[in-house]
Each structure stands twice: as structure tokens, then as C-alpha cells.
Amino acid sequence: MPDKPDAGLNSDVWVIIPLYNEAQVVGGVIKEVRAVFSNVACVDDGSSDDSAVIADAAGATVIKHPINMGQGAALQTGFDWALRRGARYVVTFDSDGQHRVEDAQAMVQKAREENLSIVFGSRFLDNRTNPGFLKKIVLGLAVVFTRWTTGLKLTDAHNGLRVIRYDALRKVDIKQDRMAHASEIVNQLAATKLPWSEYPVHIIYTEYSKAKGQSLWNSVNILIDLLVN
């Protein structure tokens, strides 16, 4: 589908939203994002519902995978798309409503003001997000593993809300299509040695988002993928 008109809001930023069967909520997510960022690309990863149609109607550029290839593949497709269109920054943003656009906006501003190539969102720099006791333990183990393997002293190794500048993005080449892609991105960004920081974000866990993949078992699967890949 053709690109949507650029309204001039953060026109050097592309927000990349992997999309898979989120027809219930994606329209509202995109409308909120486009109030701040004019360039929004949804990579529809073989959805079997009306997600792509709803995303298009809400004002996103929709890029379609003919089959489900996994979130890692969807992100890489979005990254390539954004770089070809001259993006200076890319924001990775979830389609299920758990991320807040005001956090993304503040992270982009931080990247601009502090000349950062990467800004990682973190749930654990303040007390607003409550992932649950067991999930927090699993995520904590992922942080320890990531610090050990990359040297990055992150407080949240698997937060899907990130800002990546073009110089770092060019060095990202995601091969993992399952949950291990989250670790792969961090590893590749760490290898760039480019300036980075974290920013405190509030992740909103709803019953809907938990059912769509934010459960404790999903966190355990991330940890397993870390250990075997």
C-alpha cells in the first residue's frame, strides 16, 4: 500500500509496529501514535483477521507478510522499510496497547537532546509497572544474562519499546524469528559501541495484552530462547 501523507509530526521518525491478529485494539493504538508521529508502519505478519484493514484505515502504512514469519522478521522488514525512506530514528512499538505514546515521544526527545543512538525503555527504573512477582524474577534473570553476554548494564533487557537512530539501525540484522529476537537486537546494538541510555516507561498490562503474549509463560520462553540460541 502507498505511504500515508506526512503530516510533519516528527517527520524524521518512523514508528514500526509488528502486527498479528490485533483487530480488537490496533486501530486505537495507531490513532494515538499518529497524534505524535506522522510516520507509522505496521508490518502485518500474516494476520487472519482484519488487522491490516483496520491499521490502514487508522492511517498507518501497512506492509504485509503473506505468511506468519514471527515478530523478529516483522521488525526487520520494518527497519529496512524505514531506512529506505530516510528515517533518522525508528521507534519499536507494540500493537496490543501496552506501550504509551508519551513514553515514545520522551525517548525520542532524549535521543535528540543527548545525541544518543539507542534509548531502551525500562520497566524497572521506577515503580509504575507491576509485571508480577514471578515474571519480575524471570526478567531479572534475563537482565543478568544480558549484562554477562553484552556488557550493557541494562535494567530491562526485553522491553519492546525502543528508539534506535539510523547509525545503529544499519547494523541490526535480525535472524531470530521467535522471542530470541529481543536478545539478538540487544546483542547487535551492544556490538555497535554507540552511545545509549535507558528511559523509565510505564507498561500497561491488561487482561487483553496478557492473553496475547505478555504472560509469565511468555517470559519463561524468552529465557529459554536466551539459553539455547
Protein backbone atom coordinates (compact mmCIF):
# COMPACT_ATOMS: atom_id res chain seq x y z
CA MET A 1 0.00 0.00 0.00
CA PRO A 2 1.26 3.55 -0.63
CA ASP A 3 2.79 5.68 2.09
CA LYS A 4 0.42 7.89 4.05
CA PRO A 5 0.86 11.67 3.74
CA ASP A 6 3.49 13.09 6.09
CA ALA A 7 1.78 15.48 8.49
CA GLY A 8 5.14 16.85 9.65
CA LEU A 9 4.98 15.43 13.19
CA ASN A 10 8.45 14.07 13.99
CA SER A 11 8.84 13.60 10.26
CA ASP A 12 12.31 12.03 10.62
CA VAL A 13 10.89 9.24 12.81
CA TRP A 14 9.21 6.02 11.74
CA VAL A 15 7.25 4.05 14.31
CA ILE A 16 7.41 0.34 13.47
CA ILE A 17 4.55 -1.78 14.80
CA PRO A 18 4.64 -5.57 14.27
CA LEU A 19 1.05 -6.69 13.80
CA TYR A 20 -0.54 -10.10 14.17
CA ASN A 21 -4.26 -10.57 14.81
CA GLU A 22 -4.82 -7.40 16.84
CA ALA A 23 -8.01 -6.19 15.13
CA GLN A 24 -9.63 -5.52 18.51
CA VAL A 25 -7.18 -2.81 19.59
CA VAL A 26 -4.80 -1.81 16.79
CA GLY A 27 -6.97 1.00 15.41
CA GLY A 28 -6.91 2.85 18.71
CA VAL A 29 -3.17 2.25 19.15
CA ILE A 30 -2.38 3.73 15.74
CA LYS A 31 -4.61 6.77 16.24
CA GLU A 32 -2.81 7.58 19.49
CA VAL A 33 0.61 7.13 17.90
CA ARG A 34 -0.24 9.25 14.85
CA ALA A 35 -1.21 12.15 17.09
CA VAL A 36 2.52 12.45 17.81
CA PHE A 37 4.28 10.64 14.95
CA SER A 38 3.09 11.05 11.39
CA ASN A 39 5.05 8.09 10.02
CA VAL A 40 3.68 4.77 11.28
CA ALA A 41 4.37 1.44 9.55
CA CYS A 42 2.51 -1.69 10.60
CA VAL A 43 4.09 -4.92 9.42
CA ASP A 44 1.16 -7.31 9.19
CA ASP A 45 2.68 -10.72 9.83
CA GLY A 46 0.13 -12.93 8.13
CA SER A 47 -2.88 -11.92 10.24
CA SER A 48 -6.04 -13.96 9.71
CA ASP A 49 -8.34 -11.21 10.98
CA ASP A 50 -8.98 -7.63 9.80
CA SER A 51 -5.88 -6.17 11.46
CA ALA A 52 -4.35 -4.90 8.21
CA VAL A 53 -7.56 -3.26 7.02
CA ILE A 54 -8.09 -1.55 10.37
CA ALA A 55 -4.47 -0.38 10.53
CA ASP A 56 -4.75 1.13 7.05
CA ALA A 57 -8.00 2.88 7.93
CA ALA A 58 -6.37 4.32 11.07
CA GLY A 59 -3.65 5.95 8.98
CA ALA A 60 -0.72 3.55 9.08
CA THR A 61 1.32 2.37 6.15
CA VAL A 62 0.73 -1.38 6.01
CA ILE A 63 3.43 -3.77 4.85
CA LYS A 64 2.20 -7.35 4.55
CA HIS A 65 3.91 -10.69 5.07
CA PRO A 66 1.96 -13.34 3.14
CA ILE A 67 2.53 -15.84 5.96
CA ASN A 68 3.32 -15.57 9.66
CA MET A 69 7.11 -15.23 9.92
CA GLY A 70 7.47 -14.11 13.55
CA GLN A 71 7.97 -10.80 15.31
CA GLY A 72 11.69 -10.69 14.60
CA ALA A 73 11.07 -10.91 10.87
CA ALA A 74 8.34 -8.27 11.11
CA LEU A 75 10.68 -5.86 12.88
CA GLN A 76 13.45 -6.38 10.33
CA THR A 77 11.02 -5.73 7.49
CA GLY A 78 10.00 -2.50 9.21
CA PHE A 79 13.61 -1.46 9.83
CA ASP A 80 14.51 -1.96 6.17
CA TRP A 81 11.42 -0.01 5.14
CA ALA A 82 12.26 2.92 7.39
CA LEU A 83 15.91 3.11 6.34
CA ARG A 84 14.94 3.17 2.67
CA ARG A 85 12.73 6.16 3.45
CA GLY A 86 15.45 8.13 5.14
CA ALA A 87 14.40 7.67 8.76
CA ARG A 88 16.73 9.23 11.31
CA TYR A 89 15.06 7.42 14.20
CA VAL A 90 12.93 4.31 14.49
CA VAL A 91 10.62 3.57 17.40
CA THR A 92 9.60 -0.05 18.02
CA PHE A 93 6.09 -0.12 19.43
CA ASP A 94 3.72 -2.97 20.29
CA SER A 95 0.27 -3.28 18.71
CA ASP A 96 -1.59 -4.56 21.77
CA GLY A 97 -1.94 -1.30 23.70
CA GLN A 98 0.66 -1.92 26.40
CA HIS A 99 3.02 0.88 25.30
CA ARG A 100 2.34 4.59 25.84
CA VAL A 101 3.00 7.08 23.06
CA GLU A 102 4.08 9.74 25.57
CA ASP A 103 6.94 7.46 26.61
CA ALA A 104 7.98 7.01 23.00
CA GLN A 105 7.89 10.77 22.45
CA ALA A 106 10.04 11.41 25.52
CA MET A 107 12.53 8.75 24.43
CA VAL A 108 12.93 10.34 21.00
CA GLN A 109 13.43 13.72 22.65
CA LYS A 110 16.08 12.21 24.93
CA ALA A 111 17.88 10.71 21.93
CA ARG A 112 17.89 14.09 20.18
CA GLU A 113 18.98 16.16 23.16
CA GLU A 114 21.69 13.78 24.37
CA ASN A 115 22.94 12.67 20.93
CA LEU A 116 22.12 9.02 21.67
CA SER A 117 21.99 6.24 19.10
CA ILE A 118 19.84 3.95 21.26
CA VAL A 119 17.31 4.52 24.03
CA PHE A 120 15.96 1.41 25.73
CA GLY A 121 12.66 1.58 27.59
CA SER A 122 12.83 0.18 31.12
CA ARG A 123 10.03 -1.00 33.39
CA PHE A 124 12.33 -1.08 36.39
CA LEU A 125 13.70 2.45 36.72
CA ASP A 126 10.60 3.41 38.71
CA ASN A 127 7.68 1.65 40.39
CA ARG A 128 4.82 2.36 37.98
CA THR A 129 4.86 -1.01 36.22
CA ASN A 130 3.89 -4.15 38.09
CA PRO A 131 4.69 -7.23 35.99
CA GLY A 132 4.05 -9.61 38.88
CA PHE A 133 6.49 -11.27 41.25
CA LEU A 134 7.37 -14.36 39.22
CA LYS A 135 7.64 -12.52 35.93
CA LYS A 136 9.89 -9.94 37.56
CA ILE A 137 12.21 -12.75 38.68
CA VAL A 138 12.35 -14.21 35.16
CA LEU A 139 13.01 -10.79 33.63
CA GLY A 140 15.68 -10.19 36.26
CA LEU A 141 17.47 -13.37 35.17
CA ALA A 142 17.33 -12.15 31.59
CA VAL A 143 18.96 -8.88 32.70
CA VAL A 144 21.79 -10.78 34.41
CA PHE A 145 22.33 -12.91 31.30
CA THR A 146 22.31 -9.87 29.02
CA ARG A 147 24.80 -7.99 31.18
CA TRP A 148 27.07 -11.02 31.17
CA THR A 149 26.94 -11.54 27.38
CA THR A 150 26.91 -7.92 26.17
CA GLY A 151 28.40 -5.78 28.91
CA LEU A 152 25.40 -3.45 28.78
CA LYS A 153 24.23 -2.59 32.29
CA LEU A 154 20.55 -2.64 31.39
CA THR A 155 17.79 -2.83 33.98
CA ASP A 156 15.27 -4.26 31.48
CA ALA A 157 16.64 -6.49 28.75
CA HIS A 158 13.39 -7.34 26.95
CA ASN A 159 11.34 -4.21 26.69
CA GLY A 160 9.81 -3.84 23.23
CA LEU A 161 9.72 -0.03 23.40
CA ARG A 162 12.98 1.28 21.94
CA VAL A 163 14.34 4.21 19.97
CA ILE A 164 17.11 3.39 17.50
CA ARG A 165 18.95 6.01 15.42
CA TYR A 166 19.88 5.25 11.83
CA ASP A 167 23.59 4.71 12.57
CA ALA A 168 22.76 1.88 14.98
CA LEU A 169 19.82 0.58 12.95
CA ARG A 170 22.04 -0.05 9.92
CA LYS A 171 23.96 -2.59 12.00
CA VAL A 172 20.86 -4.58 13.00
CA ASP A 173 20.13 -7.74 11.04
CA ILE A 174 17.60 -9.89 12.88
CA LYS A 175 17.72 -13.60 12.07
CA GLN A 176 15.74 -14.95 15.03
CA ASP A 177 12.00 -15.02 14.37
CA ARG A 178 10.84 -16.26 17.80
CA MET A 179 11.22 -14.49 21.15
CA ALA A 180 15.02 -14.73 20.92
CA HIS A 181 14.94 -11.78 18.54
CA ALA A 182 14.68 -9.47 21.58
CA SER A 183 18.04 -10.69 22.84
CA GLU A 184 19.50 -10.63 19.33
CA ILE A 185 18.64 -6.94 18.93
CA VAL A 186 20.30 -6.07 22.24
CA ASN A 187 23.39 -8.08 21.32
CA GLN A 188 23.71 -6.40 17.94
CA LEU A 189 23.13 -2.92 19.36
CA ALA A 190 25.71 -3.56 22.08
CA ALA A 191 28.24 -4.55 19.43
CA THR A 192 27.94 -1.14 17.77
CA LYS A 193 29.56 0.57 20.81
CA LEU A 194 27.36 3.59 20.04
CA PRO A 195 26.02 5.84 22.84
CA TRP A 196 22.93 4.55 24.60
CA SER A 197 20.75 5.11 27.63
CA GLU A 198 17.60 3.85 29.31
CA TYR A 199 14.35 5.70 29.97
CA PRO A 200 11.67 4.82 32.57
CA VAL A 201 8.46 3.69 30.87
CA HIS A 202 5.10 2.56 32.15
CA ILE A 203 3.97 -0.71 30.59
CA ILE A 204 0.23 -1.29 30.85
CA TYR A 205 -0.63 -4.93 31.43
CA THR A 206 -4.28 -5.51 30.60
CA GLU A 207 -6.12 -8.82 30.52
CA TYR A 208 -6.11 -8.48 26.74
CA SER A 209 -2.35 -7.96 26.44
CA LYS A 210 -1.64 -10.82 28.86
CA ALA A 211 -3.79 -13.13 26.76
CA LYS A 212 -1.94 -12.02 23.63
CA GLY A 213 1.51 -12.94 24.89
CA GLN A 214 2.51 -10.99 27.99
CA SER A 215 2.01 -13.91 30.35
CA LEU A 216 4.57 -15.42 32.70
CA TRP A 217 5.00 -18.33 30.30
CA ASN A 218 5.97 -15.90 27.56
CA SER A 219 8.73 -14.55 29.80
CA VAL A 220 9.90 -18.10 30.54
CA ASN A 221 10.02 -18.79 26.80
CA ILE A 222 12.19 -15.70 26.34
CA LEU A 223 14.60 -17.01 28.96
CA ILE A 224 14.70 -20.45 27.32
CA ASP A 225 15.42 -18.88 23.94
CA LEU A 226 18.24 -16.89 25.56
CA LEU A 227 19.89 -20.06 26.80
CA VAL A 228 19.59 -22.14 23.63
CA ASN A 229 20.42 -19.54 20.97
